[in-house]
Amino acid sequence: MDAEAVSLEGRIFAGVENSSSGEVGQSTIFTYHQDQDIIWAEYSGGSIIRGYLVGTRRGEKLHFRYAHLSTSKETSTGVCDSTVEILDDGRVRLHESWAWESRPETGNSIVEELK
């Protein structure tokens, strides 16, 4: 399967790894959508009550901004660049490099499709 050709529409992901300054964890669930080169997702779970991301896709590269509300009732925003990887079992893994816009930290994370 080609990472550039696989659609993200309707795929459900969960956090696998994250930098210490991140808020996404294994209990955070993302539901992705894709319409041609436009992507968006809703996410929640763990320390996040509700979150949204929106952006674009070029081949295996995603670029988006995100905003969410944490369980401490604080809003956070940031920007993320991701690379799509197809795992041997056909699931999708996203390698993410992100930076908060609402505070100074940056980090890396991985989310994987649930089966």
Protein backbone atom coordinates (compact mmCIF):
# COMPACT_ATOMS: atom_id res chain seq x y z
CA MET A 1 0.00 0.00 0.00
CA ASP A 2 1.30 3.45 -0.95
CA ALA A 3 1.47 6.00 1.90
CA GLU A 4 0.75 8.83 -0.54
CA ALA A 5 -2.41 7.19 -1.88
CA VAL A 6 -4.10 5.88 1.28
CA SER A 7 -7.07 7.95 2.44
CA LEU A 8 -7.36 9.00 6.08
CA GLU A 9 -11.16 9.30 5.82
CA GLY A 10 -12.85 7.61 8.79
CA ARG A 11 -9.65 6.21 10.27
CA ILE A 12 -9.44 6.18 14.06
CA PHE A 13 -6.10 6.73 15.80
CA ALA A 14 -4.74 6.70 19.36
CA GLY A 15 -1.59 8.16 20.86
CA VAL A 16 1.40 5.80 21.11
CA GLU A 17 4.31 8.10 22.05
CA ASN A 18 4.60 11.77 22.94
CA SER A 19 7.15 14.24 24.25
CA SER A 20 6.77 15.19 27.91
CA SER A 21 5.40 18.65 27.02
CA GLY A 22 2.54 17.13 24.99
CA GLU A 23 -0.98 16.40 26.20
CA VAL A 24 -1.97 13.56 23.86
CA GLY A 25 -1.74 10.10 25.40
CA GLN A 26 -2.84 6.52 24.80
CA SER A 27 -6.37 7.42 25.91
CA THR A 28 -6.65 10.19 23.31
CA ILE A 29 -8.70 9.05 20.30
CA PHE A 30 -8.64 10.87 16.94
CA THR A 31 -11.22 10.46 14.17
CA TYR A 32 -9.74 11.68 10.90
CA HIS A 33 -11.50 12.92 7.77
CA GLN A 34 -10.14 13.67 4.33
CA ASP A 35 -11.63 15.35 1.26
CA GLN A 36 -8.95 15.38 -1.45
CA ASP A 37 -6.09 17.43 0.02
CA ILE A 38 -8.07 18.77 3.02
CA ILE A 39 -7.85 16.95 6.36
CA TRP A 40 -9.54 17.44 9.72
CA ALA A 41 -10.13 15.47 12.88
CA GLU A 42 -11.92 15.52 16.20
CA TYR A 43 -10.16 14.16 19.26
CA SER A 44 -10.76 13.62 22.97
CA GLY A 45 -9.75 11.39 25.85
CA GLY A 46 -7.19 11.34 28.60
CA SER A 47 -6.35 14.93 29.54
CA ILE A 48 -8.28 16.38 26.57
CA ILE A 49 -12.01 17.11 26.79
CA ARG A 50 -12.42 18.15 23.16
CA GLY A 51 -10.01 18.94 20.35
CA TYR A 52 -10.01 19.71 16.65
CA LEU A 53 -7.41 19.85 13.94
CA VAL A 54 -7.64 21.16 10.39
CA GLY A 55 -5.13 21.36 7.58
CA THR A 56 -3.86 20.02 4.29
CA ARG A 57 -2.24 16.94 2.87
CA ARG A 58 0.40 16.73 0.16
CA GLY A 59 1.25 13.11 -0.58
CA GLU A 60 2.47 11.50 2.63
CA LYS A 61 2.84 14.87 4.41
CA LEU A 62 0.20 16.51 6.60
CA HIS A 63 0.27 20.10 7.83
CA PHE A 64 -2.36 21.30 10.29
CA ARG A 65 -3.22 23.47 13.25
CA TYR A 66 -4.89 22.11 16.35
CA ALA A 67 -6.85 23.50 19.28
CA HIS A 68 -8.18 21.74 22.32
CA LEU A 69 -9.63 22.11 25.80
CA SER A 70 -7.90 20.16 28.57
CA THR A 71 -9.46 18.64 31.67
CA SER A 72 -7.97 21.58 33.59
CA LYS A 73 -10.26 23.80 31.43
CA GLU A 74 -7.33 25.45 29.63
CA THR A 75 -7.27 25.99 25.88
CA SER A 76 -4.16 25.16 23.87
CA THR A 77 -3.25 25.69 20.22
CA GLY A 78 -0.41 24.61 18.00
CA VAL A 79 0.87 23.58 14.60
CA CYS A 80 1.92 20.10 13.45
CA ASP A 81 3.66 18.45 10.50
CA SER A 82 3.11 14.71 10.13
CA THR A 83 4.34 11.95 7.87
CA VAL A 84 2.12 9.01 6.95
CA GLU A 85 3.57 5.50 7.30
CA ILE A 86 1.80 2.27 6.33
CA LEU A 87 2.51 -0.54 8.80
CA ASP A 88 3.01 -4.15 7.71
CA ASP A 89 -0.53 -5.02 8.86
CA GLY A 90 -2.03 -2.20 6.72
CA ARG A 91 -2.71 0.21 9.58
CA VAL A 92 -1.57 3.82 9.34
CA ARG A 93 0.97 5.43 11.67
CA LEU A 94 1.51 9.21 11.82
CA HIS A 95 4.90 10.58 12.86
CA GLU A 96 4.29 14.08 14.18
CA SER A 97 6.49 17.07 14.83
CA TRP A 98 4.58 19.79 16.65
CA ALA A 99 4.95 23.18 18.30
CA TRP A 100 2.60 24.85 20.72
CA GLU A 101 1.52 28.34 19.68
CA SER A 102 -0.09 28.99 23.07
CA ARG A 103 3.15 28.25 24.98
CA PRO A 104 6.84 27.77 24.15
CA GLU A 105 7.31 23.96 24.01
CA THR A 106 7.79 21.74 20.94
CA GLY A 107 7.82 17.97 20.59
CA ASN A 108 7.33 14.78 18.64
CA SER A 109 4.62 12.17 18.85
CA ILE A 110 3.29 9.07 17.16
CA VAL A 111 -0.34 8.11 16.69
CA GLU A 112 -1.43 4.78 15.22
CA GLU A 113 -4.63 3.58 13.66
CA LEU A 114 -6.74 1.30 15.84
CA LYS A 115 -8.07 -1.95 14.39
